[in-house]
Amino acid sequence: MEAHHSSAAHDPSLPPLPEDERILLLLGLLTSQDRHGYEINDFIEHQLACVTDLKKATAYQLLDRLEQHELITSRAEQHGQRPTRKVYALTESGHAHFMRLLTAQLREEEPLILPGNVPIMFCEHLPLPERLSALEERIGKLEARLKTYDYLLSKVSLTTGVGLSMERIQAVTQADLVWMKDLLGRWQAEQPQK
């Protein structure tokens, strides 16, 4: 398929389109079929909550921006007495943009800038017993999260791509748990012997 660049993509009056994973996600969800906004947001909320924190309002804003850039189109549909729903479809330009983003983002390595790094940075300000207690609680929460991931990967029917994303999240969480347990061991070794 030849890449088609729409005139809207170069219109300086349009708000810029982010080149991030949120755009890739929304375009990707439209590659296999047209979807209405509720269906997209429901899928994100119930199937991808561990993969993305994209909120409904942001998703709708981005869908509108994708439509302005002519990467997707929308049409109104009504079934029976239900309210009219907007159904989104990927354009040829949208598919080409999706493929470019997918290739570029798959090549990238991303830093793990996690909010939980900040309390680790200042942990020496806590007395040792409080540090130990806090870290033990954090380790318990990590172990519970891993059990949730184990359940999701073994019991829930996930698409191949969602399953791969979950496996990666599980592996990164497992590595974090190993590191936290090692840190706990180092701190326990600092305790005065009785």
Protein backbone atom coordinates (compact mmCIF):
# COMPACT_ATOMS: atom_id res chain seq x y z
CA MET A 1 0.00 0.00 0.00
CA GLU A 2 1.47 3.34 -1.00
CA ALA A 3 1.73 5.94 1.75
CA HIS A 4 -0.79 8.69 1.20
CA HIS A 5 -0.18 12.03 2.89
CA SER A 6 -3.35 14.01 3.43
CA SER A 7 -3.46 17.76 3.05
CA ALA A 8 -4.68 17.93 6.65
CA ALA A 9 -1.45 16.36 7.91
CA HIS A 10 0.45 19.46 6.75
CA ASP A 11 -2.14 22.06 7.81
CA PRO A 12 -0.38 24.35 10.33
CA SER A 13 -3.72 25.48 11.78
CA LEU A 14 -4.41 21.97 13.13
CA PRO A 15 -3.29 21.09 16.63
CA PRO A 16 -0.15 18.94 16.41
CA LEU A 17 -0.55 15.20 16.60
CA PRO A 18 1.52 13.47 19.29
CA GLU A 19 3.79 10.73 17.99
CA ASP A 20 3.41 8.55 21.07
CA GLU A 21 2.06 5.15 22.12
CA ARG A 22 -1.46 6.54 22.68
CA ILE A 23 -1.81 7.38 18.98
CA LEU A 24 -0.31 4.01 18.04
CA LEU A 25 -2.81 2.28 20.34
CA LEU A 26 -5.87 4.05 18.91
CA LEU A 27 -4.80 3.51 15.30
CA GLY A 28 -3.90 -0.10 16.10
CA LEU A 29 -7.34 -0.80 17.56
CA LEU A 30 -8.85 0.31 14.25
CA THR A 31 -6.59 -1.81 12.00
CA SER A 32 -8.76 -4.92 12.16
CA GLN A 33 -12.23 -3.37 12.23
CA ASP A 34 -14.23 -0.18 12.59
CA ARG A 35 -15.16 0.51 16.21
CA HIS A 36 -17.39 2.93 18.05
CA GLY A 37 -15.90 5.14 20.74
CA TYR A 38 -17.57 3.27 23.60
CA GLU A 39 -16.15 -0.03 22.33
CA ILE A 40 -12.64 1.44 22.09
CA ASN A 41 -12.77 2.85 25.61
CA ASP A 42 -14.35 -0.31 27.03
CA PHE A 43 -11.59 -2.44 25.48
CA ILE A 44 -8.90 -0.13 26.86
CA GLU A 45 -10.46 -0.11 30.32
CA HIS A 46 -11.15 -3.84 30.60
CA GLN A 47 -8.46 -5.49 28.47
CA LEU A 48 -5.59 -3.02 28.54
CA ALA A 49 -5.68 -1.53 32.06
CA CYS A 50 -2.31 -3.16 32.82
CA VAL A 51 -0.83 -1.97 29.51
CA THR A 52 -1.94 1.68 29.35
CA ASP A 53 -3.43 4.34 31.57
CA LEU A 54 -5.15 6.15 28.68
CA LYS A 55 -8.26 7.84 30.07
CA LYS A 56 -11.60 8.03 28.26
CA ALA A 57 -11.58 11.84 27.88
CA THR A 58 -8.06 11.79 26.44
CA ALA A 59 -8.94 8.95 24.08
CA TYR A 60 -11.89 10.93 22.67
CA GLN A 61 -9.73 14.05 22.29
CA LEU A 62 -7.10 12.05 20.43
CA LEU A 63 -9.73 10.39 18.23
CA ASP A 64 -11.01 13.86 17.29
CA ARG A 65 -7.47 14.99 16.51
CA LEU A 66 -6.82 11.86 14.41
CA GLU A 67 -9.97 12.66 12.46
CA GLN A 68 -8.87 16.27 11.94
CA HIS A 69 -5.60 14.94 10.51
CA GLU A 70 -7.62 12.60 8.24
CA LEU A 71 -6.03 9.49 9.71
CA ILE A 72 -9.45 8.19 10.71
CA THR A 73 -13.03 8.95 9.69
CA SER A 74 -16.22 8.69 11.67
CA ARG A 75 -19.85 8.07 10.93
CA ALA A 76 -22.96 8.07 13.09
CA GLU A 77 -24.75 4.76 13.66
CA GLN A 78 -27.92 3.97 15.53
CA HIS A 79 -29.28 0.54 16.41
CA GLY A 80 -32.86 0.34 17.59
CA GLN A 81 -33.66 2.69 20.46
CA ARG A 82 -30.03 3.08 21.48
CA PRO A 83 -28.46 6.52 21.29
CA THR A 84 -26.51 7.38 18.15
CA ARG A 85 -22.88 6.33 18.38
CA LYS A 86 -19.86 7.54 16.50
CA VAL A 87 -18.08 4.74 14.64
CA TYR A 88 -14.43 5.27 13.74
CA ALA A 89 -12.62 3.80 10.73
CA LEU A 90 -8.96 3.88 9.72
CA THR A 91 -8.11 5.70 6.48
CA GLU A 92 -5.36 4.69 4.07
CA SER A 93 -3.26 7.56 5.46
CA GLY A 94 -4.06 6.36 8.95
CA HIS A 95 -2.85 2.87 8.15
CA ALA A 96 0.38 4.24 6.67
CA HIS A 97 0.87 6.45 9.75
CA PHE A 98 0.20 3.45 12.02
CA MET A 99 2.84 1.39 10.21
CA ARG A 100 5.42 4.20 10.48
CA LEU A 101 4.72 4.70 14.19
CA LEU A 102 4.76 0.97 14.88
CA THR A 103 8.13 0.52 13.19
CA ALA A 104 9.65 3.57 14.87
CA GLN A 105 8.33 2.76 18.35
CA LEU A 106 9.26 -0.91 18.20
CA ARG A 107 12.87 0.13 17.51
CA GLU A 108 13.02 2.49 20.49
CA GLU A 109 14.21 1.68 23.97
CA GLU A 110 12.52 3.62 26.70
CA PRO A 111 13.87 4.63 30.08
CA LEU A 112 12.08 3.20 33.09
CA ILE A 113 11.25 6.48 34.78
CA LEU A 114 8.94 5.26 37.51
CA PRO A 115 7.41 7.44 40.25
CA GLY A 116 8.55 4.81 42.77
CA ASN A 117 12.18 5.74 42.06
CA VAL A 118 11.84 9.01 44.01
CA PRO A 119 11.12 7.46 47.45
CA ILE A 120 13.99 5.00 46.87
CA MET A 121 16.26 7.99 46.24
CA PHE A 122 15.49 9.50 49.66
CA CYS A 123 15.00 6.31 51.69
CA GLU A 124 18.15 6.84 53.80
CA HIS A 125 16.26 9.64 55.63
CA LEU A 126 14.00 7.07 57.29
CA PRO A 127 15.17 5.18 60.34
CA LEU A 128 16.11 1.60 59.44
CA PRO A 129 13.08 -0.08 61.12
CA GLU A 130 10.68 2.17 59.16
CA ARG A 131 12.57 1.54 55.90
CA LEU A 132 12.39 -2.21 56.47
CA SER A 133 8.68 -2.11 57.26
CA ALA A 134 7.87 0.07 54.24
CA LEU A 135 9.92 -2.10 51.87
CA GLU A 136 8.37 -5.32 53.22
CA GLU A 137 4.91 -3.85 52.56
CA ARG A 138 5.97 -2.80 49.05
CA ILE A 139 7.31 -6.30 48.37
CA GLY A 140 3.98 -7.77 49.48
CA LYS A 141 2.16 -5.50 47.03
CA LEU A 142 4.52 -6.47 44.21
CA GLU A 143 3.91 -10.16 44.95
CA ALA A 144 0.14 -9.57 44.89
CA ARG A 145 0.44 -7.72 41.56
CA LEU A 146 2.42 -10.62 40.10
CA LYS A 147 -0.32 -13.04 41.17
CA THR A 148 -2.83 -10.85 39.32
CA TYR A 149 -0.64 -10.95 36.21
CA ASP A 150 -0.26 -14.73 36.52
CA TYR A 151 -4.05 -15.02 36.69
CA LEU A 152 -4.59 -12.74 33.70
CA LEU A 153 -2.05 -14.59 31.60
CA SER A 154 -3.35 -18.05 32.50
CA LYS A 155 -7.11 -17.56 32.71
CA VAL A 156 -8.13 -14.62 30.56
CA SER A 157 -8.27 -14.89 26.81
CA LEU A 158 -5.86 -12.25 25.56
CA THR A 159 -4.96 -11.43 22.00
CA THR A 160 -1.40 -12.30 21.08
CA GLY A 161 -0.30 -8.66 21.24
CA VAL A 162 -1.98 -8.00 24.58
CA GLY A 163 -0.52 -11.23 25.91
CA LEU A 164 2.98 -10.22 24.83
CA SER A 165 2.56 -6.82 26.50
CA MET A 166 1.37 -8.52 29.68
CA GLU A 167 4.33 -10.91 29.61
CA ARG A 168 6.69 -7.94 29.38
CA ILE A 169 4.96 -6.14 32.26
CA GLN A 170 5.14 -9.34 34.30
CA ALA A 171 8.88 -9.75 33.56
CA VAL A 172 9.66 -6.13 34.48
CA THR A 173 7.60 -6.44 37.69
CA GLN A 174 9.38 -9.70 38.54
CA ALA A 175 12.76 -8.00 38.04
CA ASP A 176 11.63 -5.14 40.30
CA LEU A 177 10.60 -7.68 42.96
CA VAL A 178 13.99 -9.40 42.78
CA TRP A 179 15.75 -6.04 43.16
CA MET A 180 13.52 -5.01 46.09
CA LYS A 181 14.18 -8.32 47.88
CA ASP A 182 17.92 -7.85 47.37
CA LEU A 183 17.67 -4.32 48.81
CA LEU A 184 15.68 -5.65 51.76
CA GLY A 185 18.43 -8.19 52.40
CA ARG A 186 21.07 -5.45 52.34
CA TRP A 187 19.09 -3.34 54.77
CA GLN A 188 18.45 -6.33 57.06
CA ALA A 189 22.21 -6.90 57.14
CA GLU A 190 22.61 -3.34 58.50
CA GLN A 191 20.55 -4.15 61.60
CA PRO A 192 22.56 -4.32 64.79
CA GLN A 193 22.99 -7.88 65.99
CA LYS A 194 21.19 -8.64 69.27
